[in-house]
Amino acid sequence: MIQRIQSVYLLLVTALLIVAVCLPMGTFMDAMGPHAFKASGVDVNGTFQSTWGLLGLLLLSAMVAFATIFLFKNRILQIRLSVFNSLVLIGFYLAFVVFYFKLKTDVNTFKMNWSLCLPLIAVILNYLAIRAIGRDEVMVKATDRLR
């Protein structure tokens, strides 16, 4: 059933990840001024440093969360895709650390933005969706036993 609470959780995950793609995750400060660090990249001293991996992971995760909503007839697959989605978001944070150390120099400093916590909130919402899908699966199996 598409109107269940896990659909709301997964729709919120999709919305949070789209917002995370659009907003800067932080700012590099150096003598030239602030440089916004977005999922698509950062412009440092006139050269654009691409961080396409972060953008790809966020977009992949948003698409998986949105597609998972419509798999309500196959709850086990919904659970597996939600777990996969959480692992992709954890991989996002690992990739973020790699790009941070790649772009960080002795000259600049990094200030985190609040939008960096949006994928973490998405992981929590994925967990809540997994629990709700699991409850539905248990309820369906219990009614099948009574027949």
C-alpha atoms as a PDB file:
ATOM      1  CA  MET A   1       0.000   0.000   0.000  1.00  0.00           C
ATOM      2  CA  ILE A   2       1.461   3.270  -1.089  1.00  0.00           C
ATOM      3  CA  GLN A   3      -0.139   5.369   1.660  1.00  0.00           C
ATOM      4  CA  ARG A   4       1.828   3.756   4.488  1.00  0.00           C
ATOM      5  CA  ILE A   5       4.214   5.651   6.776  1.00  0.00           C
ATOM      6  CA  GLN A   6       7.292   4.175   5.083  1.00  0.00           C
ATOM      7  CA  SER A   7       6.250   5.952   1.886  1.00  0.00           C
ATOM      8  CA  VAL A   8       6.336   9.244   3.763  1.00  0.00           C
ATOM      9  CA  TYR A   9       9.773   8.406   5.165  1.00  0.00           C
ATOM     10  CA  LEU A  10      11.125   7.502   1.747  1.00  0.00           C
ATOM     11  CA  LEU A  11       9.617  10.612   0.159  1.00  0.00           C
ATOM     12  CA  LEU A  12      11.308  12.719   2.855  1.00  0.00           C
ATOM     13  CA  VAL A  13      14.601  10.951   2.105  1.00  0.00           C
ATOM     14  CA  THR A  14      14.222  11.862  -1.557  1.00  0.00           C
ATOM     15  CA  ALA A  15      13.436  15.493  -0.747  1.00  0.00           C
ATOM     16  CA  LEU A  16      16.332  15.817   1.718  1.00  0.00           C
ATOM     17  CA  LEU A  17      18.819  14.415  -0.760  1.00  0.00           C
ATOM     18  CA  ILE A  18      17.651  16.725  -3.545  1.00  0.00           C
ATOM     19  CA  VAL A  19      18.052  19.672  -1.178  1.00  0.00           C
ATOM     20  CA  ALA A  20      21.524  18.381  -0.218  1.00  0.00           C
ATOM     21  CA  VAL A  21      22.507  18.369  -3.905  1.00  0.00           C
ATOM     22  CA  CYS A  22      21.467  21.996  -4.316  1.00  0.00           C
ATOM     23  CA  LEU A  23      22.937  23.519  -1.143  1.00  0.00           C
ATOM     24  CA  PRO A  24      26.631  24.017  -0.349  1.00  0.00           C
ATOM     25  CA  MET A  25      28.044  21.555   2.165  1.00  0.00           C
ATOM     26  CA  GLY A  26      30.642  23.949   3.421  1.00  0.00           C
ATOM     27  CA  THR A  27      32.957  26.801   2.597  1.00  0.00           C
ATOM     28  CA  PHE A  28      36.691  26.905   2.028  1.00  0.00           C
ATOM     29  CA  MET A  29      38.150  30.193   3.274  1.00  0.00           C
ATOM     30  CA  ASP A  30      41.482  31.513   2.016  1.00  0.00           C
ATOM     31  CA  ALA A  31      43.099  34.841   1.122  1.00  0.00           C
ATOM     32  CA  MET A  32      40.966  35.108  -2.036  1.00  0.00           C
ATOM     33  CA  GLY A  33      37.739  34.813  -0.019  1.00  0.00           C
ATOM     34  CA  PRO A  34      35.118  32.115   0.523  1.00  0.00           C
ATOM     35  CA  HIS A  35      34.627  29.257  -1.952  1.00  0.00           C
ATOM     36  CA  ALA A  36      31.391  27.250  -1.681  1.00  0.00           C
ATOM     37  CA  PHE A  37      31.872  23.470  -1.581  1.00  0.00           C
ATOM     38  CA  LYS A  38      28.859  21.891  -3.296  1.00  0.00           C
ATOM     39  CA  ALA A  39      28.209  18.314  -4.315  1.00  0.00           C
ATOM     40  CA  SER A  40      29.071  19.235  -7.904  1.00  0.00           C
ATOM     41  CA  GLY A  41      32.409  20.817  -7.034  1.00  0.00           C
ATOM     42  CA  VAL A  42      34.224  23.828  -5.694  1.00  0.00           C
ATOM     43  CA  ASP A  43      35.788  26.799  -7.456  1.00  0.00           C
ATOM     44  CA  VAL A  44      39.191  27.311  -5.825  1.00  0.00           C
ATOM     45  CA  ASN A  45      41.296  30.239  -7.055  1.00  0.00           C
ATOM     46  CA  GLY A  46      39.698  30.303 -10.483  1.00  0.00           C
ATOM     47  CA  THR A  47      39.959  26.571 -11.131  1.00  0.00           C
ATOM     48  CA  PHE A  48      36.896  24.357 -10.798  1.00  0.00           C
ATOM     49  CA  GLN A  49      37.580  21.189  -8.809  1.00  0.00           C
ATOM     50  CA  SER A  50      34.902  18.634  -9.667  1.00  0.00           C
ATOM     51  CA  THR A  51      33.477  16.399  -6.970  1.00  0.00           C
ATOM     52  CA  TRP A  52      31.209  14.433  -9.290  1.00  0.00           C
ATOM     53  CA  GLY A  53      31.394  11.386  -7.037  1.00  0.00           C
ATOM     54  CA  LEU A  54      29.482  13.161  -4.296  1.00  0.00           C
ATOM     55  CA  LEU A  55      26.872  14.376  -6.759  1.00  0.00           C
ATOM     56  CA  GLY A  56      26.497  10.890  -8.217  1.00  0.00           C
ATOM     57  CA  LEU A  57      26.083   9.244  -4.816  1.00  0.00           C
ATOM     58  CA  LEU A  58      23.437  11.735  -3.707  1.00  0.00           C
ATOM     59  CA  LEU A  59      21.485  11.453  -6.963  1.00  0.00           C
ATOM     60  CA  LEU A  60      21.706   7.641  -6.949  1.00  0.00           C
ATOM     61  CA  SER A  61      20.462   7.548  -3.383  1.00  0.00           C
ATOM     62  CA  ALA A  62      17.574   9.929  -4.147  1.00  0.00           C
ATOM     63  CA  MET A  63      16.506   7.845  -7.155  1.00  0.00           C
ATOM     64  CA  VAL A  64      16.679   4.578  -5.199  1.00  0.00           C
ATOM     65  CA  ALA A  65      14.597   6.048  -2.367  1.00  0.00           C
ATOM     66  CA  PHE A  66      11.980   7.345  -4.786  1.00  0.00           C
ATOM     67  CA  ALA A  67      11.818   4.048  -6.702  1.00  0.00           C
ATOM     68  CA  THR A  68      11.519   2.100  -3.442  1.00  0.00           C
ATOM     69  CA  ILE A  69       8.222   3.830  -2.688  1.00  0.00           C
ATOM     70  CA  PHE A  70       6.563   2.097  -5.629  1.00  0.00           C
ATOM     71  CA  LEU A  71       7.768  -1.400  -4.732  1.00  0.00           C
ATOM     72  CA  PHE A  72       5.141  -1.775  -2.001  1.00  0.00           C
ATOM     73  CA  LYS A  73       4.071  -5.219  -3.238  1.00  0.00           C
ATOM     74  CA  ASN A  74       7.571  -6.630  -2.670  1.00  0.00           C
ATOM     75  CA  ARG A  75       8.405  -5.655   0.908  1.00  0.00           C
ATOM     76  CA  ILE A  76      11.598  -7.720   1.131  1.00  0.00           C
ATOM     77  CA  LEU A  77      12.999  -5.899  -1.908  1.00  0.00           C
ATOM     78  CA  GLN A  78      11.957  -2.602  -0.306  1.00  0.00           C
ATOM     79  CA  ILE A  79      13.956  -3.494   2.805  1.00  0.00           C
ATOM     80  CA  ARG A  80      16.993  -4.508   0.760  1.00  0.00           C
ATOM     81  CA  LEU A  81      16.919  -1.330  -1.319  1.00  0.00           C
ATOM     82  CA  SER A  82      16.569   0.792   1.816  1.00  0.00           C
ATOM     83  CA  VAL A  83      19.593  -0.915   3.373  1.00  0.00           C
ATOM     84  CA  PHE A  84      21.497  -0.394   0.122  1.00  0.00           C
ATOM     85  CA  ASN A  85      20.458   3.244   0.171  1.00  0.00           C
ATOM     86  CA  SER A  86      21.804   3.675   3.706  1.00  0.00           C
ATOM     87  CA  LEU A  87      25.103   2.091   2.671  1.00  0.00           C
ATOM     88  CA  VAL A  88      25.337   4.468  -0.307  1.00  0.00           C
ATOM     89  CA  LEU A  89      24.828   7.419   2.044  1.00  0.00           C
ATOM     90  CA  ILE A  90      27.548   6.137   4.366  1.00  0.00           C
ATOM     91  CA  GLY A  91      29.744   5.868   1.267  1.00  0.00           C
ATOM     92  CA  PHE A  92      28.850   9.496   0.547  1.00  0.00           C
ATOM     93  CA  TYR A  93      30.370  10.551   3.853  1.00  0.00           C
ATOM     94  CA  LEU A  94      33.495   8.486   3.155  1.00  0.00           C
ATOM     95  CA  ALA A  95      33.813  10.117  -0.277  1.00  0.00           C
ATOM     96  CA  PHE A  96      33.260  13.519   1.321  1.00  0.00           C
ATOM     97  CA  VAL A  97      36.196  12.934   3.668  1.00  0.00           C
ATOM     98  CA  VAL A  98      38.377  11.920   0.709  1.00  0.00           C
ATOM     99  CA  PHE A  99      37.441  15.039  -1.269  1.00  0.00           C
ATOM    100  CA  TYR A 100      37.891  17.197   1.828  1.00  0.00           C
ATOM    101  CA  PHE A 101      41.466  16.043   2.323  1.00  0.00           C
ATOM    102  CA  LYS A 102      42.150  16.318  -1.399  1.00  0.00           C
ATOM    103  CA  LEU A 103      40.993  19.949  -1.531  1.00  0.00           C
ATOM    104  CA  LYS A 104      42.262  21.056   1.885  1.00  0.00           C
ATOM    105  CA  THR A 105      45.598  22.862   1.929  1.00  0.00           C
ATOM    106  CA  ASP A 106      47.619  24.687   4.563  1.00  0.00           C
ATOM    107  CA  VAL A 107      46.378  28.006   3.194  1.00  0.00           C
ATOM    108  CA  ASN A 108      42.615  27.446   3.419  1.00  0.00           C
ATOM    109  CA  THR A 109      40.256  26.528   6.237  1.00  0.00           C
ATOM    110  CA  PHE A 110      36.961  24.689   5.977  1.00  0.00           C
ATOM    111  CA  LYS A 111      33.704  25.708   7.619  1.00  0.00           C
ATOM    112  CA  MET A 112      30.917  23.112   7.541  1.00  0.00           C
ATOM    113  CA  ASN A 113      27.370  24.048   6.608  1.00  0.00           C
ATOM    114  CA  TRP A 114      24.194  22.650   8.145  1.00  0.00           C
ATOM    115  CA  SER A 115      23.270  20.977   4.866  1.00  0.00           C
ATOM    116  CA  LEU A 116      26.024  18.409   5.436  1.00  0.00           C
ATOM    117  CA  CYS A 117      23.791  16.711   8.028  1.00  0.00           C
ATOM    118  CA  LEU A 118      20.924  16.131   5.548  1.00  0.00           C
ATOM    119  CA  PRO A 119      22.272  12.748   4.318  1.00  0.00           C
ATOM    120  CA  LEU A 120      22.603  11.668   7.965  1.00  0.00           C
ATOM    121  CA  ILE A 121      18.955  12.537   8.554  1.00  0.00           C
ATOM    122  CA  ALA A 122      18.168  10.544   5.399  1.00  0.00           C
ATOM    123  CA  VAL A 123      19.967   7.506   6.884  1.00  0.00           C
ATOM    124  CA  ILE A 124      17.827   7.806  10.027  1.00  0.00           C
ATOM    125  CA  LEU A 125      14.655   8.069   7.930  1.00  0.00           C
ATOM    126  CA  ASN A 126      15.778   5.023   5.924  1.00  0.00           C
ATOM    127  CA  TYR A 127      16.114   3.120   9.191  1.00  0.00           C
ATOM    128  CA  LEU A 128      12.606   4.158  10.237  1.00  0.00           C
ATOM    129  CA  ALA A 129      11.282   3.070   6.832  1.00  0.00           C
ATOM    130  CA  ILE A 130      13.005  -0.323   7.193  1.00  0.00           C
ATOM    131  CA  ARG A 131      11.344  -0.814  10.578  1.00  0.00           C
ATOM    132  CA  ALA A 132       7.918   0.136   9.215  1.00  0.00           C
ATOM    133  CA  ILE A 133       8.295  -2.159   6.192  1.00  0.00           C
ATOM    134  CA  GLY A 134       9.371  -4.975   8.514  1.00  0.00           C
ATOM    135  CA  ARG A 135       6.285  -4.459  10.674  1.00  0.00           C
ATOM    136  CA  ASP A 136       4.100  -4.676   7.570  1.00  0.00           C
ATOM    137  CA  GLU A 137       5.820  -7.875   6.492  1.00  0.00           C
ATOM    138  CA  VAL A 138       5.273  -9.449   9.916  1.00  0.00           C
ATOM    139  CA  MET A 139       1.608  -8.400   9.844  1.00  0.00           C
ATOM    140  CA  VAL A 140       1.083  -9.921   6.383  1.00  0.00           C
ATOM    141  CA  LYS A 141       2.765 -13.181   7.400  1.00  0.00           C
ATOM    142  CA  ALA A 142       0.596 -13.348  10.511  1.00  0.00           C
ATOM    143  CA  THR A 143      -2.586 -12.988   8.473  1.00  0.00           C
ATOM    144  CA  ASP A 144      -1.357 -15.643   6.025  1.00  0.00           C
ATOM    145  CA  ARG A 145      -0.870 -18.052   8.933  1.00  0.00           C
ATOM    146  CA  LEU A 146      -4.478 -17.587  10.051  1.00  0.00           C
ATOM    147  CA  ARG A 147      -5.894 -18.659   6.683  1.00  0.00           C
END
